[in-house]
Amino acid sequence: MINRSLGILLPVSSLPSKYGIGTFGKAAYNFIDFLISSGQKYWQVLPLGPVSFGDSPYSTFSVYAGNPYYIDLEMLIEDGLINGDDCELLNSDGNYVDYEKQFNHRYKVLFKAYKNSINKYYKEIARFKAENNWVNDYSLFMALKYKNNQQPWYKWDGHIKNRYAEIIKAEEKNLSQEINFWVFLQYLFYEQYFKLKEYANLKGISIIGDMPIYVAKDSVEAWVNRDLFVTDEAGNFTIVAGVPPDYFSSEGQLWGNPVYDWGYLKENSYEWWIDRIKWSLKLYDVVRIDHFRGFDEYWAVPCCSENAIKGKWLTAYGKELFNKALKDLGSLNIIAEDLGTITDNVIKLKEEFNFPGMGVLQFAFDGNPDNPHLPLNYAENTVAYTGTHDNDTLKGWYNKLGKQKQQDILKQLNIDAKYEGEITDKLIQSVINSKADIVIIPLQDYLHLDSEARINTPSTVGGNWTWRVKESQLTKQISKKIKI
């Protein structure tokens, strides 16, 4: 493993903290130190955007904005913007995020910080606005969302929904304080995040970030840039995204995101996508593009369908896009999430740009000796995992297998069936011993945690994205074991 690199997958939300959800505060810096002492080179996180209903980081109100929940409150206390008593209702060092509590109380605390900072960061916020033109539309969007009792934009009054210029100008004037509040939150988010990233990079830790291919239907991009998507003459989305039936779901996954009008993107030299990739490469050292197949062809499902079964594959222009991005940006440090049913064309697209694909141990055991997820079959240009955020923990997955299946897996990986230690360690080692250039292990697997620590179960709502690690679990003994 001398010439290869290891990393750990842990969402920011899963970090320990005093106030109920992981943030960019002290625990994040401590985790970077933990990575260093554990011999790691990468920290992989999930998307950082502001979550909507269901709390999924893959369905956010903006592809540019950050989640205000990750703003560290203890830093605001140190800055004198709030005090500890303001945060009392958020106190929680438990193992799970209570998103309802965060939603009900955190914004009140952040608004007090905003009121106490109006004159303190005036120049910095003005500079932030000038350098980030997306923040104005986003902040208006969020102010309007609160004015409309959290209703999605497509249920707002028709003149606002369709962005009549005079109406929008009036709303900007009427909601100026609310808009400034949302701008302030983005300033704080990125001020804290980029300081954390700088610390990580100076210590030799690179951050792998996750970029969902689609935007949410209830997002500022879908509201402001309707031309980007397939719509009817009235501007209504006619087809939505998903995937057909697969390993995760017999009915497929109906994501419901608007799908891109690739003809429009082409006519505009893929400017929107290139700006988005450029931003992502600023945020992260490496960008994992979720659902890479969607750049070759995408599963389009008629609007208002109950599931994703009755869709069809349509063509995307990913090759043209990446050629243009390569020309404009110079280099593309991208990982292609190539899971599920992958065609020869997707493989060709990935290989043409030398994007590493993914190998996932939990997908390896279908009886096919040529299964690309078997550690023995990993190419060097692969990022290998025991599991992703959508899988069960390694221990939870293994324990749910029948005795015969377990024995078959041990035999296939050449693991002694009489081994008396924690089998999770042997499974992890089988991935580390592969040819993959990068190996990323979810923290839960190193901690030998069962299914109670699973991050997400696809096609389910509720109970996902909540698991958190406790500071007491990140011991020197664990760090030493990981390093070995």
Protein backbone atom coordinates (compact mmCIF):
# COMPACT_ATOMS: atom_id res chain seq x y z
CA MET A 1 0.00 0.00 0.00
CA ILE A 2 3.08 2.32 -0.13
CA ASN A 3 2.03 3.92 -3.40
CA ARG A 4 -1.69 3.85 -2.79
CA SER A 5 -3.93 6.07 -0.69
CA LEU A 6 -6.58 5.39 1.91
CA GLY A 7 -9.49 7.48 3.09
CA ILE A 8 -12.57 7.43 5.30
CA LEU A 9 -16.16 8.20 4.37
CA LEU A 10 -17.99 10.24 7.00
CA PRO A 11 -20.73 12.83 6.35
CA VAL A 12 -20.25 16.19 8.07
CA SER A 13 -23.62 15.65 9.73
CA SER A 14 -22.22 12.51 11.41
CA LEU A 15 -19.46 14.33 13.28
CA PRO A 16 -19.79 14.63 17.07
CA SER A 17 -21.00 17.98 18.38
CA LYS A 18 -22.70 19.58 21.35
CA TYR A 19 -25.70 20.87 19.40
CA GLY A 20 -27.23 17.88 17.67
CA ILE A 21 -25.53 17.69 14.27
CA GLY A 22 -21.98 17.70 12.92
CA THR A 23 -20.54 21.09 11.96
CA PHE A 24 -17.33 22.76 10.75
CA GLY A 25 -16.25 23.28 14.33
CA LYS A 26 -13.66 21.72 16.64
CA ALA A 27 -14.81 18.14 16.07
CA ALA A 28 -14.21 18.51 12.32
CA TYR A 29 -10.64 19.68 12.96
CA ASN A 30 -10.20 16.81 15.42
CA PHE A 31 -11.43 14.36 12.81
CA ILE A 32 -8.84 15.64 10.33
CA ASP A 33 -6.19 15.04 13.01
CA PHE A 34 -7.67 11.55 13.49
CA LEU A 35 -7.33 10.91 9.75
CA ILE A 36 -3.68 11.96 9.83
CA SER A 37 -2.83 9.78 12.83
CA SER A 38 -4.65 6.90 11.10
CA GLY A 39 -2.47 7.12 7.99
CA GLN A 40 -5.24 8.42 5.75
CA LYS A 41 -5.06 10.80 2.76
CA TYR A 42 -8.75 11.40 2.01
CA TRP A 43 -11.91 12.48 3.79
CA GLN A 44 -14.98 11.75 1.70
CA VAL A 45 -18.13 13.70 2.55
CA LEU A 46 -21.67 13.76 1.19
CA PRO A 47 -23.18 16.80 -0.60
CA LEU A 48 -23.11 19.92 1.60
CA GLY A 49 -26.25 21.67 0.32
CA PRO A 50 -29.29 22.83 2.35
CA VAL A 51 -31.65 19.88 2.72
CA SER A 52 -35.38 19.90 2.08
CA PHE A 53 -38.16 17.45 3.03
CA GLY A 54 -36.67 14.04 3.83
CA ASP A 55 -33.33 15.59 4.87
CA SER A 56 -31.47 14.02 1.94
CA PRO A 57 -28.22 15.76 0.93
CA TYR A 58 -29.02 14.59 -2.60
CA SER A 59 -32.15 16.76 -2.72
CA THR A 60 -31.22 20.33 -1.85
CA PHE A 61 -32.58 23.82 -2.37
CA SER A 62 -29.47 24.84 -4.30
CA VAL A 63 -26.46 23.30 -6.03
CA TYR A 64 -24.30 26.19 -4.80
CA ALA A 65 -25.54 27.03 -1.31
CA GLY A 66 -24.32 25.31 1.85
CA ASN A 67 -26.38 23.76 4.62
CA PRO A 68 -26.72 26.29 7.50
CA TYR A 69 -26.91 23.37 9.97
CA TYR A 70 -23.15 22.91 9.45
CA ILE A 71 -22.33 26.43 10.68
CA ASP A 72 -20.61 25.88 14.00
CA LEU A 73 -22.44 27.63 16.84
CA GLU A 74 -19.54 27.47 19.27
CA MET A 75 -17.52 29.62 16.86
CA LEU A 76 -20.37 32.14 16.88
CA ILE A 77 -20.34 32.12 20.67
CA GLU A 78 -16.58 32.83 20.59
CA ASP A 79 -17.26 35.73 18.19
CA GLY A 80 -19.80 37.18 20.63
CA LEU A 81 -22.71 36.89 18.21
CA ILE A 82 -24.72 34.54 20.46
CA ASN A 83 -24.30 32.99 23.88
CA GLY A 84 -24.52 29.44 25.17
CA ASP A 85 -28.02 29.94 26.60
CA ASP A 86 -29.33 30.69 23.08
CA CYS A 87 -28.34 27.16 22.02
CA GLU A 88 -29.78 25.31 25.01
CA LEU A 89 -32.70 23.75 23.08
CA LEU A 90 -30.23 22.22 20.60
CA ASN A 91 -28.12 20.45 23.22
CA SER A 92 -27.64 16.83 22.24
CA ASP A 93 -24.66 14.52 22.09
CA GLY A 94 -26.73 11.48 21.08
CA ASN A 95 -26.08 9.10 18.20
CA TYR A 96 -28.76 10.48 15.86
CA VAL A 97 -29.64 13.83 14.32
CA ASP A 98 -33.08 15.19 15.20
CA TYR A 99 -33.77 17.22 12.05
CA GLU A 100 -37.08 18.53 13.35
CA LYS A 101 -35.33 20.02 16.36
CA GLN A 102 -32.66 21.52 14.10
CA PHE A 103 -35.30 23.07 11.83
CA ASN A 104 -37.36 24.46 14.70
CA HIS A 105 -34.54 25.99 16.75
CA ARG A 106 -31.28 26.44 14.85
CA TYR A 107 -32.53 29.18 12.50
CA LYS A 108 -33.73 31.22 15.50
CA VAL A 109 -30.23 31.07 16.95
CA LEU A 110 -28.68 31.96 13.60
CA PHE A 111 -31.07 34.89 13.18
CA LYS A 112 -29.92 36.29 16.52
CA ALA A 113 -26.34 35.98 15.26
CA TYR A 114 -27.37 37.86 12.13
CA LYS A 115 -29.00 40.69 14.13
CA ASN A 116 -25.86 41.01 16.24
CA SER A 117 -23.54 41.10 13.24
CA ILE A 118 -25.15 43.63 10.89
CA ASN A 119 -22.31 46.10 11.22
CA LYS A 120 -19.53 43.64 12.01
CA TYR A 121 -19.13 41.87 8.66
CA TYR A 122 -20.54 44.46 6.28
CA LYS A 123 -17.49 44.66 4.00
CA GLU A 124 -16.84 40.93 4.02
CA ILE A 125 -20.44 40.11 3.12
CA ALA A 126 -20.47 42.73 0.33
CA ARG A 127 -17.34 41.10 -1.09
CA PHE A 128 -18.91 37.64 -0.75
CA LYS A 129 -22.00 38.77 -2.68
CA ALA A 130 -19.87 40.32 -5.42
CA GLU A 131 -17.86 37.11 -5.83
CA ASN A 132 -20.86 34.73 -5.71
CA ASN A 133 -23.66 35.88 -7.99
CA TRP A 134 -25.74 32.76 -7.22
CA VAL A 135 -26.34 33.93 -3.62
CA ASN A 136 -28.85 36.65 -4.56
CA ASP A 137 -31.29 34.29 -6.30
CA TYR A 138 -30.85 31.68 -3.58
CA SER A 139 -31.49 34.13 -0.75
CA LEU A 140 -34.61 35.53 -2.44
CA PHE A 141 -35.79 31.96 -3.03
CA MET A 142 -35.42 31.07 0.65
CA ALA A 143 -37.07 34.30 1.82
CA LEU A 144 -40.03 33.59 -0.47
CA LYS A 145 -40.18 29.99 0.70
CA TYR A 146 -40.61 31.17 4.30
CA LYS A 147 -43.15 33.78 3.25
CA ASN A 148 -45.11 30.97 1.56
CA ASN A 149 -45.09 28.66 4.60
CA GLN A 150 -42.38 26.36 3.17
CA GLN A 151 -44.46 25.51 0.11
CA PRO A 152 -42.40 24.50 -2.97
CA TRP A 153 -41.97 27.28 -5.51
CA TYR A 154 -44.29 25.63 -8.06
CA LYS A 155 -47.17 26.16 -5.58
CA TRP A 156 -46.50 29.87 -5.11
CA ASP A 157 -48.62 32.64 -6.63
CA GLY A 158 -48.38 32.47 -10.43
CA HIS A 159 -46.66 35.84 -10.85
CA ILE A 160 -43.92 34.90 -8.39
CA LYS A 161 -43.71 31.32 -9.62
CA ASN A 162 -43.13 32.58 -13.14
CA ARG A 163 -40.84 35.40 -12.02
CA TYR A 164 -42.62 38.48 -13.37
CA ALA A 165 -39.93 41.15 -13.24
CA GLU A 166 -41.94 43.87 -11.46
CA ILE A 167 -43.28 41.42 -8.86
CA ILE A 168 -39.80 40.03 -8.18
CA LYS A 169 -38.40 43.56 -7.75
CA ALA A 170 -41.17 44.38 -5.26
CA GLU A 171 -40.53 41.17 -3.30
CA GLU A 172 -36.81 41.94 -3.14
CA LYS A 173 -37.64 45.30 -1.56
CA ASN A 174 -40.26 43.92 0.86
CA LEU A 175 -38.09 41.00 1.98
CA SER A 176 -34.75 42.81 2.12
CA GLN A 177 -34.00 41.87 5.75
CA GLU A 178 -34.93 38.22 5.21
CA ILE A 179 -32.83 38.11 2.04
CA ASN A 180 -29.85 39.60 3.87
CA PHE A 181 -30.22 36.94 6.58
CA TRP A 182 -29.89 34.13 4.04
CA VAL A 183 -26.89 35.86 2.44
CA PHE A 184 -25.31 36.11 5.90
CA LEU A 185 -25.76 32.37 6.47
CA GLN A 186 -23.97 31.56 3.22
CA TYR A 187 -21.16 33.92 4.13
CA LEU A 188 -20.75 32.16 7.48
CA PHE A 189 -20.99 28.70 5.95
CA TYR A 190 -18.25 29.28 3.40
CA GLU A 191 -16.07 31.29 5.78
CA GLN A 192 -16.01 28.31 8.15
CA TYR A 193 -15.83 25.65 5.44
CA PHE A 194 -12.88 27.04 3.49
CA LYS A 195 -10.88 27.53 6.71
CA LEU A 196 -11.52 23.87 7.52
CA LYS A 197 -10.54 22.78 4.02
CA GLU A 198 -7.35 24.84 4.19
CA TYR A 199 -6.47 23.12 7.46
CA ALA A 200 -7.10 19.70 5.92
CA ASN A 201 -5.02 20.45 2.83
CA LEU A 202 -2.12 21.86 4.83
CA LYS A 203 -2.13 18.62 6.84
CA GLY A 204 -2.07 16.50 3.68
CA ILE A 205 -5.76 15.53 3.71
CA SER A 206 -7.73 15.90 0.48
CA ILE A 207 -11.51 16.21 0.57
CA ILE A 208 -13.60 14.10 -1.79
CA GLY A 209 -16.96 15.76 -2.29
CA ASP A 210 -20.13 14.44 -3.84
CA MET A 211 -21.98 16.22 -6.67
CA PRO A 212 -25.50 14.95 -7.44
CA ILE A 213 -26.10 14.96 -11.19
CA TYR A 214 -29.62 16.41 -10.86
CA VAL A 215 -31.10 19.40 -9.08
CA ALA A 216 -34.16 19.07 -6.87
CA LYS A 217 -37.54 20.03 -8.30
CA ASP A 218 -37.96 22.42 -5.37
CA SER A 219 -34.69 24.26 -5.89
CA VAL A 220 -33.66 27.75 -6.88
CA GLU A 221 -32.13 26.38 -10.09
CA ALA A 222 -35.42 24.80 -11.16
CA TRP A 223 -37.24 28.05 -10.33
CA VAL A 224 -34.81 30.46 -11.99
CA ASN A 225 -33.42 28.41 -14.89
CA ARG A 226 -36.44 26.57 -16.25
CA ASP A 227 -34.90 26.54 -19.75
CA LEU A 228 -32.31 24.05 -18.53
CA PHE A 229 -34.95 21.35 -18.21
CA VAL A 230 -37.49 19.50 -20.33
CA THR A 231 -40.79 21.34 -19.93
CA ASP A 232 -44.04 21.92 -21.80
CA GLU A 233 -45.05 25.31 -23.22
CA ALA A 234 -46.39 26.41 -19.83
CA GLY A 235 -43.05 25.70 -18.18
CA ASN A 236 -44.19 22.53 -16.39
CA PHE A 237 -41.78 19.61 -16.12
CA THR A 238 -43.01 16.73 -18.27
CA ILE A 239 -40.50 14.01 -17.42
CA VAL A 240 -38.50 13.36 -14.27
CA ALA A 241 -35.41 11.38 -13.33
CA GLY A 242 -34.89 8.02 -11.69
CA VAL A 243 -33.38 4.63 -12.31
CA PRO A 244 -35.07 1.41 -13.44
CA PRO A 245 -35.47 -1.60 -11.13
CA ASP A 246 -32.08 -2.70 -9.75
CA TYR A 247 -30.26 -4.15 -6.74
CA PHE A 248 -31.77 -1.54 -4.41
CA SER A 249 -35.42 -1.61 -5.51
CA SER A 250 -37.72 -3.84 -7.58
CA GLU A 251 -39.74 -0.76 -8.63
CA GLY A 252 -36.67 1.28 -9.48
CA GLN A 253 -36.01 4.61 -7.80
CA LEU A 254 -38.30 7.49 -8.71
CA TRP A 255 -36.21 10.52 -7.84
CA GLY A 256 -38.61 13.06 -9.32
CA ASN A 257 -35.89 15.54 -10.34
CA PRO A 258 -36.41 17.55 -13.54
CA VAL A 259 -34.23 16.22 -16.36
CA TYR A 260 -31.93 18.37 -18.47
CA ASP A 261 -32.73 19.62 -21.93
CA TRP A 262 -29.43 18.56 -23.48
CA GLY A 263 -30.24 20.39 -26.70
CA TYR A 264 -30.52 23.68 -24.79
CA LEU A 265 -27.31 22.92 -22.88
CA LYS A 266 -25.49 22.27 -26.15
CA GLU A 267 -26.76 25.52 -27.71
CA ASN A 268 -25.36 27.40 -24.72
CA SER A 269 -21.94 25.68 -24.84
CA TYR A 270 -22.72 23.78 -21.61
CA GLU A 271 -22.02 26.98 -19.68
CA TRP A 272 -24.28 26.09 -16.72
CA TRP A 273 -22.67 22.69 -16.23
CA ILE A 274 -19.12 23.99 -16.62
CA ASP A 275 -19.77 26.69 -14.00
CA ARG A 276 -21.13 24.02 -11.68
CA ILE A 277 -18.14 21.69 -12.19
CA LYS A 278 -15.77 24.62 -11.65
CA TRP A 279 -17.51 25.47 -8.36
CA SER A 280 -17.40 21.85 -7.20
CA LEU A 281 -13.68 21.62 -7.94
CA LYS A 282 -13.20 24.73 -5.82
CA LEU A 283 -15.16 23.18 -2.96
CA TYR A 284 -13.44 19.81 -3.08
CA ASP A 285 -10.08 18.39 -4.09
CA VAL A 286 -11.80 15.50 -5.86
CA VAL A 287 -15.41 15.43 -7.06
CA ARG A 288 -17.43 12.22 -7.13
CA ILE A 289 -20.24 12.66 -9.67
CA ASP A 290 -23.28 10.75 -8.47
CA HIS A 291 -25.09 8.73 -11.17
CA PHE A 292 -22.41 9.16 -13.83
CA ARG A 293 -24.45 7.07 -16.24
CA GLY A 294 -26.76 10.06 -16.66
CA PHE A 295 -24.11 11.75 -18.79
CA ASP A 296 -24.43 9.02 -21.42
CA GLU A 297 -28.15 8.30 -21.18
CA TYR A 298 -30.76 8.89 -18.52
CA TRP A 299 -33.91 7.16 -17.32
CA ALA A 300 -36.84 9.51 -17.99
CA VAL A 301 -40.16 8.79 -16.28
CA PRO A 302 -43.45 10.56 -17.13
CA CYS A 303 -44.39 13.16 -14.53
CA CYS A 304 -46.75 12.00 -11.75
CA SER A 305 -45.77 8.31 -12.11
CA GLU A 306 -46.05 6.23 -8.94
CA ASN A 307 -42.74 4.42 -9.52
CA ALA A 308 -39.85 4.31 -11.97
CA ILE A 309 -40.80 1.17 -13.87
CA LYS A 310 -42.36 2.80 -16.95
CA GLY A 311 -39.51 5.01 -18.02
CA LYS A 312 -37.23 5.06 -21.05
CA TRP A 313 -33.59 5.75 -21.77
CA LEU A 314 -32.81 9.06 -23.49
CA THR A 315 -29.47 10.31 -24.80
CA ALA A 316 -27.26 12.85 -23.01
CA TYR A 317 -24.23 14.68 -24.43
CA GLY A 318 -21.69 13.98 -21.72
CA LYS A 319 -18.75 13.54 -24.08
CA GLU A 320 -19.21 17.02 -25.55
CA LEU A 321 -19.68 18.50 -22.09
CA PHE A 322 -16.51 16.97 -20.62
CA ASN A 323 -14.45 17.91 -23.67
CA LYS A 324 -15.60 21.52 -23.26
CA ALA A 325 -15.00 21.41 -19.48
CA LEU A 326 -11.52 19.99 -19.99
CA LYS A 327 -10.72 22.75 -22.45
CA ASP A 328 -12.09 25.49 -20.17
CA LEU A 329 -10.91 24.22 -16.79
CA GLY A 330 -7.65 22.50 -17.67
CA SER A 331 -8.12 19.36 -15.57
CA LEU A 332 -11.02 17.39 -14.12
CA ASN A 333 -10.32 15.59 -10.87
CA ILE A 334 -13.48 13.49 -11.01
CA ILE A 335 -14.61 10.07 -9.77
CA ALA A 336 -17.37 8.49 -11.84
CA GLU A 337 -20.07 6.81 -9.73
CA ASP A 338 -20.62 3.93 -12.15
CA LEU A 339 -22.77 1.63 -10.02
CA GLY A 340 -25.84 -0.27 -11.16
CA THR A 341 -26.32 -1.49 -14.70
CA ILE A 342 -23.52 0.06 -16.74
CA THR A 343 -23.34 -0.14 -20.52
CA ASP A 344 -20.26 -0.30 -22.75
CA ASN A 345 -20.91 3.32 -23.75
CA VAL A 346 -20.70 4.48 -20.12
CA ILE A 347 -17.45 2.59 -19.66
CA LYS A 348 -16.11 4.14 -22.87
CA LEU A 349 -17.10 7.65 -21.68
CA LYS A 350 -15.44 7.10 -18.31
CA GLU A 351 -12.25 5.70 -19.84
CA GLU A 352 -12.01 8.39 -22.52
CA PHE A 353 -11.48 10.99 -19.77
CA ASN A 354 -9.57 8.61 -17.49
CA PHE A 355 -12.12 9.06 -14.70
CA PRO A 356 -11.72 6.34 -12.04
CA GLY A 357 -14.80 4.26 -11.43
CA MET A 358 -15.96 2.59 -8.22
CA GLY A 359 -15.71 -0.90 -6.80
CA VAL A 360 -18.01 -1.82 -3.90
CA LEU A 361 -17.34 -5.02 -1.98
CA GLN A 362 -20.98 -5.58 -1.01
CA PHE A 363 -21.93 -5.87 -4.70
CA ALA A 364 -19.28 -8.49 -5.46
CA PHE A 365 -20.90 -11.78 -4.59
CA ASP A 366 -23.39 -12.79 -7.28
CA GLY A 367 -21.50 -15.95 -8.21
CA ASN A 368 -19.84 -14.36 -11.24
CA PRO A 369 -16.03 -14.67 -11.02
CA ASP A 370 -15.73 -11.69 -13.38
CA ASN A 371 -17.85 -9.41 -11.19
CA PRO A 372 -16.09 -6.01 -11.34
CA HIS A 373 -16.76 -5.44 -7.64
CA LEU A 374 -14.63 -8.39 -6.56
CA PRO A 375 -11.37 -7.05 -5.09
CA LEU A 376 -9.33 -9.36 -7.33
CA ASN A 377 -10.91 -7.70 -10.37
CA TYR A 378 -10.30 -4.05 -9.47
CA ALA A 379 -8.30 -2.08 -12.00
CA GLU A 380 -5.71 0.32 -10.61
CA ASN A 381 -7.77 3.33 -11.73
CA THR A 382 -10.52 2.47 -9.24
CA VAL A 383 -11.79 3.93 -6.00
CA ALA A 384 -12.74 0.92 -3.89
CA TYR A 385 -15.21 0.81 -1.01
CA THR A 386 -16.59 -1.78 1.38
CA GLY A 387 -19.91 0.07 1.00
CA THR A 388 -21.32 3.49 0.19
CA HIS A 389 -23.77 5.76 2.02
CA ASP A 390 -26.58 3.73 0.40
CA ASN A 391 -25.35 0.37 1.72
CA ASP A 392 -25.80 -1.22 5.10
CA THR A 393 -22.73 -1.18 7.29
CA LEU A 394 -20.32 -3.99 6.45
CA LYS A 395 -21.11 -5.80 9.70
CA GLY A 396 -24.86 -5.32 9.26
CA TRP A 397 -24.69 -6.61 5.67
CA TYR A 398 -22.59 -9.65 6.58
CA ASN A 399 -24.73 -10.60 9.57
CA LYS A 400 -27.87 -10.63 7.40
CA LEU A 401 -26.40 -13.18 5.00
CA GLY A 402 -27.18 -16.86 5.46
CA LYS A 403 -24.49 -19.18 6.83
CA GLN A 404 -23.85 -20.72 3.43
CA LYS A 405 -23.48 -17.33 1.74
CA GLN A 406 -21.06 -16.22 4.45
CA GLN A 407 -18.95 -19.34 3.93
CA ASP A 408 -18.97 -18.81 0.15
CA ILE A 409 -17.74 -15.23 0.58
CA LEU A 410 -14.97 -16.24 2.96
CA LYS A 411 -13.85 -18.93 0.53
CA GLN A 412 -13.92 -16.53 -2.41
CA LEU A 413 -11.81 -14.01 -0.51
CA ASN A 414 -9.49 -16.71 0.84
CA ILE A 415 -10.37 -15.94 4.45
CA ASP A 416 -9.98 -18.80 6.93
CA ALA A 417 -13.49 -19.79 8.05
CA LYS A 418 -12.04 -20.58 11.50
CA TYR A 419 -10.85 -17.01 11.96
CA GLU A 420 -11.97 -15.96 15.45
CA GLY A 421 -11.47 -12.21 15.20
CA GLU A 422 -13.85 -9.56 13.89
CA ILE A 423 -14.64 -10.70 10.34
CA THR A 424 -15.27 -7.07 9.34
CA ASP A 425 -11.51 -6.44 9.60
CA LYS A 426 -10.74 -9.26 7.17
CA LEU A 427 -13.32 -7.98 4.69
CA ILE A 428 -11.84 -4.48 4.89
CA GLN A 429 -8.37 -5.89 4.36
CA SER A 430 -9.49 -7.69 1.21
CA VAL A 431 -10.34 -4.29 -0.31
CA ILE A 432 -7.15 -2.62 0.94
CA ASN A 433 -5.07 -5.44 -0.56
CA SER A 434 -6.57 -4.89 -4.01
CA LYS A 435 -4.93 -3.00 -6.89
CA ALA A 436 -7.26 -0.02 -6.45
CA ASP A 437 -5.36 3.28 -6.33
CA ILE A 438 -7.68 4.69 -3.65
CA VAL A 439 -9.58 2.78 -0.95
CA ILE A 440 -12.32 4.54 1.02
CA ILE A 441 -13.84 2.83 4.06
CA PRO A 442 -16.94 4.14 5.88
CA LEU A 443 -16.01 4.97 9.46
CA GLN A 444 -18.76 2.67 10.77
CA ASP A 445 -16.95 -0.33 9.28
CA TYR A 446 -13.73 0.42 11.11
CA LEU A 447 -15.80 0.78 14.30
CA HIS A 448 -17.52 -2.60 13.70
CA LEU A 449 -20.97 -1.01 13.92
CA ASP A 450 -24.11 -2.92 12.98
CA SER A 451 -27.14 -1.73 11.00
CA GLU A 452 -28.07 0.88 13.61
CA ALA A 453 -25.30 3.01 12.09
CA ARG A 454 -26.55 2.78 8.49
CA ILE A 455 -26.66 6.19 6.78
CA ASN A 456 -29.39 5.66 4.17
CA THR A 457 -31.79 3.02 2.88
CA PRO A 458 -32.72 3.95 -0.72
CA SER A 459 -36.40 4.38 -1.62
CA THR A 460 -37.38 4.98 2.02
CA VAL A 461 -38.34 8.24 3.73
CA GLY A 462 -37.59 8.91 7.38
CA GLY A 463 -34.82 7.69 9.64
CA ASN A 464 -32.08 8.31 7.08
CA TRP A 465 -29.03 10.62 7.23
CA THR A 466 -29.19 10.68 11.04
CA TRP A 467 -26.35 8.54 12.43
CA ARG A 468 -23.58 10.31 14.33
CA VAL A 469 -20.31 9.11 15.79
CA LYS A 470 -19.46 9.92 19.39
CA GLU A 471 -16.16 11.54 20.24
CA SER A 472 -15.42 8.68 22.64
CA GLN A 473 -15.44 6.25 19.68
CA LEU A 474 -12.55 8.00 17.91
CA THR A 475 -9.85 6.56 20.14
CA LYS A 476 -6.09 6.33 19.71
CA GLN A 477 -6.48 2.55 19.70
CA ILE A 478 -8.87 2.72 16.73
CA SER A 479 -6.55 5.13 14.95
CA LYS A 480 -3.59 2.83 15.50
CA LYS A 481 -5.55 -0.18 14.23
CA ILE A 482 -6.66 1.67 11.09
CA LYS A 483 -3.09 2.74 10.36
CA ILE A 484 -1.90 -0.85 10.43
